[in-house]
Amino acid sequence: MKVLNLFYSSTGNTAKVAEAIGTAAAAAGHEVDTVEVASDTEVNVLDYDVVFAGSGVYQWLPGKPLMERFGAWLKTASAAGEVKLGCPRRAGKKAVVYCTYGGPHTGVSEAVPAAKWMGQLFDHLGIEVVAEWYVVGAFQGKLAKNNVGGRLGNIEGRPTAEELAHVAEQVKGVLGM
């Protein structure tokens, strides 16, 4: 299978998850393109059998560069007639959306809107979203004080090696579907 491993990471947490995804997919024998989203990133998600797309969570949404690119890609796909009424499914096309989040206030509930938002690009293109993953990631820099005392308890050092190994196992499951 041809796999797109697409992500935006401002703190490095999502990059760690993307690395685990890319390594696991390649180890399973799949062709993997890993792309970190920037304002000028050009890629056609329809060229891939499976797309993994991830971002950190910023006020309940994905990072702005990812949101801008998704919006541009959806506009281009709409103009090309790729978005159809009723969003019929494309055979053999799957996506996984994932978020890294700290959730100091309400936990995973802060990340769910970001994953749902990302999933809409794929749903509108007829690509089945087969999973949503939520991975806890520690705050960095000035926000590191939020790593303790929030709803999730102490999240320093996350995602952990064990959590990244779990992501790799989930990748194998998705690619084996």
N, C-alpha and C. Protein backbone atom coordinates (compact mmCIF):
# COMPACT_ATOMS: atom_id res chain seq x y z
N MET A 1 0.83 -1.19 0.00
CA MET A 1 0.00 0.00 0.00
C MET A 1 0.87 1.24 0.00
N LYS A 2 0.31 2.28 -0.55
CA LYS A 2 0.97 3.58 -0.55
C LYS A 2 0.38 4.39 0.61
N VAL A 3 1.26 4.83 1.53
CA VAL A 3 0.84 5.47 2.77
C VAL A 3 1.36 6.90 2.82
N LEU A 4 0.47 7.84 3.17
CA LEU A 4 0.86 9.22 3.43
C LEU A 4 0.81 9.44 4.93
N ASN A 5 1.90 9.90 5.47
CA ASN A 5 2.06 10.18 6.90
C ASN A 5 2.20 11.70 7.02
N LEU A 6 1.08 12.38 7.21
CA LEU A 6 0.99 13.83 7.14
C LEU A 6 0.80 14.40 8.54
N PHE A 7 1.61 15.41 8.91
CA PHE A 7 1.46 15.94 10.26
C PHE A 7 1.91 17.39 10.36
N TYR A 8 1.42 18.06 11.41
CA TYR A 8 1.91 19.37 11.81
C TYR A 8 2.28 19.27 13.28
N SER A 9 3.47 19.78 13.62
CA SER A 9 3.92 19.71 15.01
C SER A 9 4.67 20.99 15.36
N SER A 10 4.18 21.71 16.36
CA SER A 10 4.89 22.92 16.79
C SER A 10 5.79 22.66 17.99
N THR A 11 5.54 21.57 18.73
CA THR A 11 6.31 21.30 19.95
C THR A 11 7.15 20.03 19.87
N GLY A 12 6.94 19.22 18.85
CA GLY A 12 7.67 17.96 18.71
C GLY A 12 6.87 16.75 19.14
N ASN A 13 5.78 16.92 19.88
CA ASN A 13 4.99 15.77 20.32
C ASN A 13 4.36 15.04 19.14
N THR A 14 3.73 15.78 18.23
CA THR A 14 3.10 15.14 17.08
C THR A 14 4.15 14.55 16.15
N ALA A 15 5.32 15.19 16.07
CA ALA A 15 6.41 14.65 15.25
C ALA A 15 6.85 13.27 15.77
N LYS A 16 6.86 13.09 17.09
CA LYS A 16 7.21 11.79 17.67
C LYS A 16 6.20 10.73 17.25
N VAL A 17 4.93 11.08 17.27
CA VAL A 17 3.88 10.13 16.87
C VAL A 17 4.01 9.83 15.37
N ALA A 18 4.24 10.86 14.58
CA ALA A 18 4.40 10.66 13.13
C ALA A 18 5.60 9.76 12.84
N GLU A 19 6.68 9.92 13.58
CA GLU A 19 7.84 9.06 13.39
C GLU A 19 7.50 7.60 13.71
N ALA A 20 6.74 7.38 14.78
CA ALA A 20 6.32 6.02 15.13
C ALA A 20 5.44 5.43 14.02
N ILE A 21 4.56 6.26 13.47
CA ILE A 21 3.68 5.80 12.38
C ILE A 21 4.52 5.43 11.16
N GLY A 22 5.42 6.32 10.75
CA GLY A 22 6.23 6.07 9.56
C GLY A 22 7.10 4.84 9.70
N THR A 23 7.72 4.68 10.86
CA THR A 23 8.58 3.53 11.11
C THR A 23 7.78 2.23 11.05
N ALA A 24 6.63 2.21 11.69
CA ALA A 24 5.80 1.00 11.72
C ALA A 24 5.28 0.65 10.32
N ALA A 25 4.85 1.65 9.56
CA ALA A 25 4.32 1.38 8.22
C ALA A 25 5.43 0.87 7.30
N ALA A 26 6.60 1.48 7.38
CA ALA A 26 7.73 1.03 6.55
C ALA A 26 8.17 -0.38 6.95
N ALA A 27 8.20 -0.66 8.26
CA ALA A 27 8.60 -1.99 8.73
C ALA A 27 7.62 -3.06 8.26
N ALA A 28 6.37 -2.65 8.03
CA ALA A 28 5.36 -3.60 7.54
C ALA A 28 5.43 -3.75 6.01
N GLY A 29 6.39 -3.08 5.39
CA GLY A 29 6.61 -3.26 3.96
C GLY A 29 5.85 -2.31 3.05
N HIS A 30 5.31 -1.23 3.60
CA HIS A 30 4.54 -0.29 2.80
C HIS A 30 5.40 0.88 2.35
N GLU A 31 5.04 1.46 1.22
CA GLU A 31 5.69 2.67 0.73
C GLU A 31 5.12 3.84 1.53
N VAL A 32 5.99 4.61 2.19
CA VAL A 32 5.54 5.67 3.09
C VAL A 32 6.16 7.01 2.69
N ASP A 33 5.30 8.01 2.53
CA ASP A 33 5.75 9.39 2.36
C ASP A 33 5.39 10.14 3.63
N THR A 34 6.40 10.63 4.34
CA THR A 34 6.16 11.41 5.55
C THR A 34 6.34 12.88 5.20
N VAL A 35 5.29 13.66 5.47
CA VAL A 35 5.27 15.07 5.09
C VAL A 35 4.85 15.91 6.29
N GLU A 36 5.75 16.82 6.69
CA GLU A 36 5.38 17.78 7.73
C GLU A 36 4.75 18.97 7.03
N VAL A 37 3.55 19.33 7.45
CA VAL A 37 2.78 20.38 6.78
C VAL A 37 3.39 21.75 7.05
N ALA A 38 3.54 22.50 5.97
CA ALA A 38 3.93 23.91 6.02
C ALA A 38 2.94 24.65 5.13
N SER A 39 3.03 25.96 5.10
CA SER A 39 2.06 26.76 4.35
C SER A 39 2.07 26.46 2.85
N ASP A 40 3.17 25.93 2.33
CA ASP A 40 3.25 25.67 0.89
C ASP A 40 3.26 24.18 0.55
N THR A 41 2.89 23.33 1.48
CA THR A 41 2.90 21.88 1.25
C THR A 41 1.90 21.52 0.16
N GLU A 42 2.39 20.80 -0.83
CA GLU A 42 1.54 20.32 -1.92
C GLU A 42 1.56 18.79 -1.91
N VAL A 43 0.43 18.20 -1.77
CA VAL A 43 0.31 16.75 -1.82
C VAL A 43 -1.14 16.44 -2.17
N ASN A 44 -1.36 15.35 -2.89
CA ASN A 44 -2.72 14.95 -3.23
C ASN A 44 -3.06 13.71 -2.41
N VAL A 45 -3.92 13.87 -1.42
CA VAL A 45 -4.26 12.75 -0.54
C VAL A 45 -4.93 11.61 -1.31
N LEU A 46 -5.50 11.92 -2.47
CA LEU A 46 -6.16 10.88 -3.26
C LEU A 46 -5.16 9.94 -3.94
N ASP A 47 -3.88 10.31 -3.93
CA ASP A 47 -2.86 9.44 -4.52
C ASP A 47 -2.45 8.30 -3.58
N TYR A 48 -3.02 8.24 -2.40
CA TYR A 48 -2.60 7.28 -1.38
C TYR A 48 -3.74 6.34 -1.00
N ASP A 49 -3.36 5.14 -0.59
CA ASP A 49 -4.35 4.17 -0.11
C ASP A 49 -4.76 4.47 1.33
N VAL A 50 -3.78 4.87 2.15
CA VAL A 50 -4.03 5.16 3.56
C VAL A 50 -3.33 6.48 3.90
N VAL A 51 -4.05 7.35 4.59
CA VAL A 51 -3.47 8.62 5.05
C VAL A 51 -3.58 8.67 6.57
N PHE A 52 -2.45 8.92 7.22
CA PHE A 52 -2.42 9.23 8.65
C PHE A 52 -2.21 10.73 8.73
N ALA A 53 -3.10 11.45 9.41
CA ALA A 53 -3.00 12.90 9.51
C ALA A 53 -3.10 13.31 10.97
N GLY A 54 -2.11 14.08 11.43
CA GLY A 54 -2.10 14.45 12.83
C GLY A 54 -1.65 15.87 13.08
N SER A 55 -2.05 16.36 14.25
CA SER A 55 -1.69 17.71 14.69
C SER A 55 -1.80 17.77 16.20
N GLY A 56 -1.11 18.75 16.75
CA GLY A 56 -1.37 19.11 18.13
C GLY A 56 -2.71 19.81 18.19
N VAL A 57 -3.18 20.08 19.39
CA VAL A 57 -4.47 20.74 19.57
C VAL A 57 -4.22 22.15 20.11
N TYR A 58 -4.84 23.11 19.46
CA TYR A 58 -4.69 24.52 19.82
C TYR A 58 -6.08 25.12 19.93
N GLN A 59 -6.53 25.31 21.16
CA GLN A 59 -7.89 25.80 21.42
C GLN A 59 -8.92 24.98 20.66
N TRP A 60 -8.86 23.67 20.84
CA TRP A 60 -9.81 22.69 20.34
C TRP A 60 -9.70 22.39 18.86
N LEU A 61 -8.71 22.96 18.17
CA LEU A 61 -8.58 22.76 16.73
C LEU A 61 -7.15 22.34 16.38
N PRO A 62 -6.96 21.81 15.16
CA PRO A 62 -5.60 21.50 14.72
C PRO A 62 -4.79 22.80 14.56
N GLY A 63 -3.50 22.66 14.37
CA GLY A 63 -2.64 23.81 14.15
C GLY A 63 -3.03 24.57 12.89
N LYS A 64 -2.82 25.88 12.94
CA LYS A 64 -3.23 26.76 11.84
C LYS A 64 -2.63 26.36 10.48
N PRO A 65 -1.34 26.01 10.38
CA PRO A 65 -0.82 25.60 9.06
C PRO A 65 -1.56 24.39 8.49
N LEU A 66 -1.90 23.43 9.32
CA LEU A 66 -2.64 22.26 8.84
C LEU A 66 -4.05 22.66 8.42
N MET A 67 -4.69 23.50 9.21
CA MET A 67 -6.04 23.94 8.86
C MET A 67 -6.04 24.69 7.52
N GLU A 68 -5.06 25.54 7.32
CA GLU A 68 -4.98 26.29 6.05
C GLU A 68 -4.78 25.36 4.87
N ARG A 69 -3.89 24.37 5.00
CA ARG A 69 -3.65 23.44 3.90
C ARG A 69 -4.86 22.57 3.63
N PHE A 70 -5.51 22.08 4.69
CA PHE A 70 -6.72 21.27 4.49
C PHE A 70 -7.77 22.09 3.76
N GLY A 71 -7.94 23.34 4.14
CA GLY A 71 -8.92 24.21 3.47
C GLY A 71 -8.58 24.39 2.00
N ALA A 72 -7.31 24.61 1.70
CA ALA A 72 -6.88 24.78 0.31
C ALA A 72 -7.09 23.49 -0.49
N TRP A 73 -6.74 22.36 0.12
CA TRP A 73 -6.91 21.08 -0.59
C TRP A 73 -8.39 20.80 -0.86
N LEU A 74 -9.25 21.11 0.11
CA LEU A 74 -10.68 20.87 -0.09
C LEU A 74 -11.22 21.77 -1.19
N LYS A 75 -10.78 23.01 -1.23
CA LYS A 75 -11.21 23.95 -2.27
C LYS A 75 -10.77 23.45 -3.64
N THR A 76 -9.53 23.01 -3.75
CA THR A 76 -9.01 22.49 -5.02
C THR A 76 -9.77 21.23 -5.44
N ALA A 77 -10.01 20.34 -4.50
CA ALA A 77 -10.75 19.10 -4.80
C ALA A 77 -12.18 19.41 -5.23
N SER A 78 -12.80 20.39 -4.58
CA SER A 78 -14.16 20.78 -4.97
C SER A 78 -14.19 21.30 -6.40
N ALA A 79 -13.23 22.17 -6.72
CA ALA A 79 -13.16 22.75 -8.06
C ALA A 79 -12.91 21.67 -9.11
N ALA A 80 -12.20 20.61 -8.74
CA ALA A 80 -11.89 19.52 -9.67
C ALA A 80 -13.01 18.48 -9.74
N GLY A 81 -14.09 18.69 -9.00
CA GLY A 81 -15.20 17.75 -9.01
C GLY A 81 -14.99 16.51 -8.17
N GLU A 82 -13.99 16.54 -7.29
CA GLU A 82 -13.68 15.39 -6.44
C GLU A 82 -14.61 15.27 -5.23
N VAL A 83 -15.28 16.36 -4.86
CA VAL A 83 -16.23 16.35 -3.76
C VAL A 83 -17.62 16.20 -4.37
N LYS A 84 -18.30 15.13 -4.01
CA LYS A 84 -19.60 14.82 -4.61
C LYS A 84 -20.70 14.82 -3.56
N LEU A 85 -21.89 15.17 -3.97
CA LEU A 85 -23.04 15.16 -3.08
C LEU A 85 -23.18 13.79 -2.43
N GLY A 86 -23.31 13.76 -1.13
CA GLY A 86 -23.44 12.51 -0.41
C GLY A 86 -22.10 11.87 -0.07
N CYS A 87 -21.02 12.42 -0.56
CA CYS A 87 -19.66 11.93 -0.27
C CYS A 87 -19.55 10.41 -0.44
N PRO A 88 -19.80 9.90 -1.64
CA PRO A 88 -19.69 8.45 -1.82
C PRO A 88 -18.28 7.97 -1.50
N ARG A 89 -18.18 6.79 -0.89
CA ARG A 89 -16.90 6.22 -0.48
C ARG A 89 -16.07 5.79 -1.69
N ARG A 90 -14.77 6.00 -1.56
CA ARG A 90 -13.81 5.56 -2.57
C ARG A 90 -13.28 4.20 -2.10
N ALA A 91 -13.44 3.22 -2.92
CA ALA A 91 -12.98 1.87 -2.55
C ALA A 91 -11.49 1.87 -2.27
N GLY A 92 -11.12 1.22 -1.17
CA GLY A 92 -9.72 1.04 -0.84
C GLY A 92 -9.01 2.24 -0.25
N LYS A 93 -9.73 3.32 0.04
CA LYS A 93 -9.12 4.53 0.59
C LYS A 93 -9.51 4.66 2.06
N LYS A 94 -8.49 4.83 2.92
CA LYS A 94 -8.72 4.95 4.37
C LYS A 94 -7.90 6.08 4.94
N ALA A 95 -8.36 6.60 6.06
CA ALA A 95 -7.60 7.63 6.78
C ALA A 95 -7.70 7.39 8.28
N VAL A 96 -6.66 7.82 8.96
CA VAL A 96 -6.63 7.87 10.42
C VAL A 96 -6.27 9.31 10.78
N VAL A 97 -7.04 9.91 11.67
CA VAL A 97 -6.70 11.24 12.17
C VAL A 97 -6.31 11.10 13.64
N TYR A 98 -5.33 11.90 14.05
CA TYR A 98 -4.88 11.81 15.44
C TYR A 98 -4.44 13.18 15.94
N CYS A 99 -4.51 13.31 17.24
CA CYS A 99 -4.11 14.55 17.91
C CYS A 99 -3.19 14.23 19.07
N THR A 100 -2.25 15.14 19.31
CA THR A 100 -1.53 15.13 20.57
C THR A 100 -2.09 16.32 21.36
N TYR A 101 -2.27 16.12 22.64
CA TYR A 101 -2.94 17.14 23.44
C TYR A 101 -2.50 17.07 24.88
N GLY A 102 -2.64 18.19 25.57
CA GLY A 102 -2.34 18.24 27.01
C GLY A 102 -3.59 18.20 27.86
N GLY A 103 -4.67 18.79 27.37
CA GLY A 103 -5.97 18.73 28.05
C GLY A 103 -5.98 19.14 29.50
N PRO A 104 -5.37 20.28 29.87
CA PRO A 104 -5.30 20.63 31.29
C PRO A 104 -6.66 20.91 31.93
N HIS A 105 -7.62 21.30 31.12
CA HIS A 105 -8.92 21.68 31.67
C HIS A 105 -9.93 20.54 31.65
N THR A 106 -10.20 20.01 30.46
CA THR A 106 -11.26 18.99 30.36
C THR A 106 -10.77 17.67 29.77
N GLY A 107 -9.45 17.47 29.70
CA GLY A 107 -8.92 16.20 29.22
C GLY A 107 -9.10 15.99 27.73
N VAL A 108 -9.38 14.77 27.35
CA VAL A 108 -9.48 14.41 25.93
C VAL A 108 -10.59 15.18 25.22
N SER A 109 -11.58 15.67 25.94
CA SER A 109 -12.66 16.44 25.32
C SER A 109 -12.13 17.65 24.57
N GLU A 110 -10.96 18.16 24.99
CA GLU A 110 -10.37 19.30 24.30
C GLU A 110 -9.80 18.90 22.94
N ALA A 111 -9.50 17.62 22.74
CA ALA A 111 -8.89 17.15 21.49
C ALA A 111 -9.91 16.64 20.48
N VAL A 112 -11.04 16.18 20.94
CA VAL A 112 -12.02 15.58 20.04
C VAL A 112 -12.43 16.51 18.88
N PRO A 113 -12.70 17.80 19.13
CA PRO A 113 -13.07 18.66 18.00
C PRO A 113 -11.98 18.76 16.93
N ALA A 114 -10.72 18.73 17.31
CA ALA A 114 -9.63 18.80 16.34
C ALA A 114 -9.63 17.57 15.43
N ALA A 115 -9.79 16.40 16.00
CA ALA A 115 -9.82 15.18 15.19
C ALA A 115 -11.04 15.17 14.28
N LYS A 116 -12.19 15.56 14.80
CA LYS A 116 -13.40 15.61 13.96
C LYS A 116 -13.21 16.59 12.81
N TRP A 117 -12.58 17.75 13.10
CA TRP A 117 -12.35 18.75 12.06
C TRP A 117 -11.49 18.15 10.95
N MET A 118 -10.38 17.49 11.32
CA MET A 118 -9.50 16.89 10.31
C MET A 118 -10.22 15.81 9.51
N GLY A 119 -11.03 15.04 10.20
CA GLY A 119 -11.73 13.95 9.54
C GLY A 119 -12.66 14.42 8.44
N GLN A 120 -13.14 15.64 8.52
CA GLN A 120 -14.08 16.14 7.52
C GLN A 120 -13.46 16.26 6.14
N LEU A 121 -12.17 16.58 6.03
CA LEU A 121 -11.53 16.63 4.72
C LEU A 121 -11.67 15.27 4.04
N PHE A 122 -11.32 14.23 4.78
CA PHE A 122 -11.35 12.89 4.21
C PHE A 122 -12.77 12.43 3.92
N ASP A 123 -13.69 12.73 4.82
CA ASP A 123 -15.08 12.34 4.62
C ASP A 123 -15.65 13.01 3.37
N HIS A 124 -15.35 14.29 3.17
CA HIS A 124 -15.84 14.99 1.98
C HIS A 124 -15.23 14.43 0.69
N LEU A 125 -14.05 13.86 0.79
CA LEU A 125 -13.42 13.25 -0.39
C LEU A 125 -13.82 11.79 -0.58
N GLY A 126 -14.65 11.27 0.32
CA GLY A 126 -15.09 9.88 0.20
C GLY A 126 -14.11 8.89 0.77
N ILE A 127 -13.16 9.37 1.57
CA ILE A 127 -12.17 8.50 2.20
C ILE A 127 -12.67 8.15 3.60
N GLU A 128 -12.80 6.87 3.88
CA GLU A 128 -13.32 6.44 5.17
C GLU A 128 -12.31 6.70 6.29
N VAL A 129 -12.75 7.40 7.31
CA VAL A 129 -11.92 7.60 8.50
C VAL A 129 -12.14 6.38 9.39
N VAL A 130 -11.12 5.54 9.48
CA VAL A 130 -11.26 4.27 10.19
C VAL A 130 -10.86 4.36 11.65
N ALA A 131 -10.20 5.47 12.05
CA ALA A 131 -9.81 5.61 13.45
C ALA A 131 -9.50 7.06 13.77
N GLU A 132 -9.73 7.40 15.03
CA GLU A 132 -9.30 8.67 15.61
C GLU A 132 -8.46 8.31 16.83
N TRP A 133 -7.24 8.84 16.88
CA TRP A 133 -6.34 8.54 17.99
C TRP A 133 -6.05 9.81 18.76
N TYR A 134 -5.94 9.67 20.06
CA TYR A 134 -5.66 10.79 20.95
C TYR A 134 -4.47 10.40 21.82
N VAL A 135 -3.38 11.16 21.69
CA VAL A 135 -2.13 10.83 22.38
C VAL A 135 -1.75 12.02 23.26
N VAL A 136 -1.56 11.78 24.53
CA VAL A 136 -1.19 12.86 25.45
C VAL A 136 0.24 13.29 25.17
N GLY A 137 0.43 14.61 25.10
CA GLY A 137 1.75 15.18 24.88
C GLY A 137 2.01 16.29 25.88
N ALA A 138 3.21 16.34 26.41
CA ALA A 138 3.57 17.35 27.40
C ALA A 138 3.65 18.73 26.78
N PHE A 139 3.32 19.73 27.57
CA PHE A 139 3.50 21.12 27.16
C PHE A 139 4.99 21.43 27.14
N GLN A 140 5.38 22.38 26.30
CA GLN A 140 6.79 22.78 26.17
C GLN A 140 6.92 24.27 26.50
N GLY A 141 8.13 24.68 26.79
CA GLY A 141 8.42 26.10 26.98
C GLY A 141 7.65 26.74 28.11
N LYS A 142 7.14 27.94 27.85
CA LYS A 142 6.42 28.71 28.87
C LYS A 142 5.18 27.99 29.38
N LEU A 143 4.61 27.11 28.59
CA LEU A 143 3.40 26.40 28.99
C LEU A 143 3.68 25.14 29.81
N ALA A 144 4.96 24.79 30.01
CA ALA A 144 5.32 23.56 30.72
C ALA A 144 4.73 23.52 32.12
N LYS A 145 4.42 24.65 32.70
CA LYS A 145 3.80 24.66 34.03
C LYS A 145 2.44 23.95 34.02
N ASN A 146 1.84 23.81 32.84
CA ASN A 146 0.55 23.12 32.72
C ASN A 146 0.68 21.60 32.73
N ASN A 147 1.91 21.09 32.79
CA ASN A 147 2.12 19.64 32.79
C ASN A 147 1.69 18.97 34.09
N VAL A 148 1.51 19.74 35.13
CA VAL A 148 1.07 19.19 36.41
C VAL A 148 -0.17 19.95 36.89
N GLY A 149 -1.02 19.25 37.58
CA GLY A 149 -2.19 19.88 38.17
C GLY A 149 -3.43 19.93 37.32
N GLY A 150 -3.34 19.54 36.05
CA GLY A 150 -4.52 19.53 35.20
C GLY A 150 -5.35 18.28 35.40
N ARG A 151 -6.39 18.15 34.64
CA ARG A 151 -7.29 17.01 34.74
C ARG A 151 -6.58 15.68 34.52
N LEU A 152 -5.51 15.68 33.72
CA LEU A 152 -4.81 14.44 33.40
C LEU A 152 -3.69 14.10 34.39
N GLY A 153 -3.50 14.94 35.39
CA GLY A 153 -2.41 14.71 36.33
C GLY A 153 -1.09 15.15 35.72
N ASN A 154 0.00 14.52 36.12
CA ASN A 154 1.32 14.89 35.63
C ASN A 154 1.56 14.26 34.25
N ILE A 155 1.73 15.12 33.24
CA ILE A 155 1.94 14.62 31.88
C ILE A 155 3.36 14.90 31.38
N GLU A 156 4.27 15.20 32.30
CA GLU A 156 5.65 15.43 31.90
C GLU A 156 6.20 14.19 31.20
N GLY A 157 6.97 14.41 30.14
CA GLY A 157 7.62 13.31 29.43
C GLY A 157 6.73 12.53 28.47
N ARG A 158 5.54 13.01 28.24
CA ARG A 158 4.65 12.30 27.33
C ARG A 158 4.67 12.96 25.95
N PRO A 159 4.50 12.16 24.90
CA PRO A 159 4.18 10.74 24.90
C PRO A 159 5.39 9.89 25.29
N THR A 160 5.11 8.83 26.01
CA THR A 160 6.17 7.94 26.48
C THR A 160 6.52 6.92 25.40
N ALA A 161 7.61 6.22 25.61
CA ALA A 161 8.02 5.16 24.69
C ALA A 161 6.93 4.10 24.58
N GLU A 162 6.29 3.79 25.69
CA GLU A 162 5.20 2.79 25.67
C GLU A 162 4.02 3.28 24.86
N GLU A 163 3.70 4.56 24.99
CA GLU A 163 2.58 5.12 24.21
C GLU A 163 2.90 5.12 22.72
N LEU A 164 4.14 5.41 22.37
CA LEU A 164 4.54 5.39 20.96
C LEU A 164 4.57 3.97 20.42
N ALA A 165 4.93 3.00 21.24
CA ALA A 165 4.88 1.59 20.83
C ALA A 165 3.43 1.17 20.58
N HIS A 166 2.51 1.68 21.40
CA HIS A 166 1.09 1.40 21.20
C HIS A 166 0.61 1.98 19.86
N VAL A 167 1.06 3.19 19.53
CA VAL A 167 0.72 3.78 18.24
C VAL A 167 1.21 2.87 17.11
N ALA A 168 2.43 2.38 17.22
CA ALA A 168 2.98 1.49 16.19
C ALA A 168 2.13 0.24 16.03
N GLU A 169 1.66 -0.32 17.13
CA GLU A 169 0.78 -1.49 17.05
C GLU A 169 -0.55 -1.14 16.37
N GLN A 170 -1.06 0.03 16.66
CA GLN A 170 -2.31 0.46 16.02
C GLN A 170 -2.11 0.63 14.52
N VAL A 171 -0.96 1.13 14.11
CA VAL A 171 -0.65 1.28 12.68
C VAL A 171 -0.71 -0.09 12.01
N LYS A 172 -0.10 -1.08 12.60
CA LYS A 172 -0.13 -2.44 12.04
C LYS A 172 -1.56 -2.93 11.88
N GLY A 173 -2.40 -2.62 12.87
CA GLY A 173 -3.80 -3.03 12.79
C GLY A 173 -4.53 -2.36 11.64
N VAL A 174 -4.32 -1.07 11.47
CA VAL A 174 -4.99 -0.34 10.38
C VAL A 174 -4.51 -0.83 9.02
N LEU A 175 -3.22 -1.03 8.89
CA LEU A 175 -2.67 -1.46 7.60
C LEU A 175 -2.99 -2.92 7.29
N GLY A 176 -3.37 -3.67 8.30
CA GLY A 176 -3.77 -5.06 8.10
C GLY A 176 -5.25 -5.22 7.81
N MET A 177 -6.00 -4.12 7.86
CA MET A 177 -7.45 -4.18 7.63
C MET A 177 -7.77 -4.53 6.20
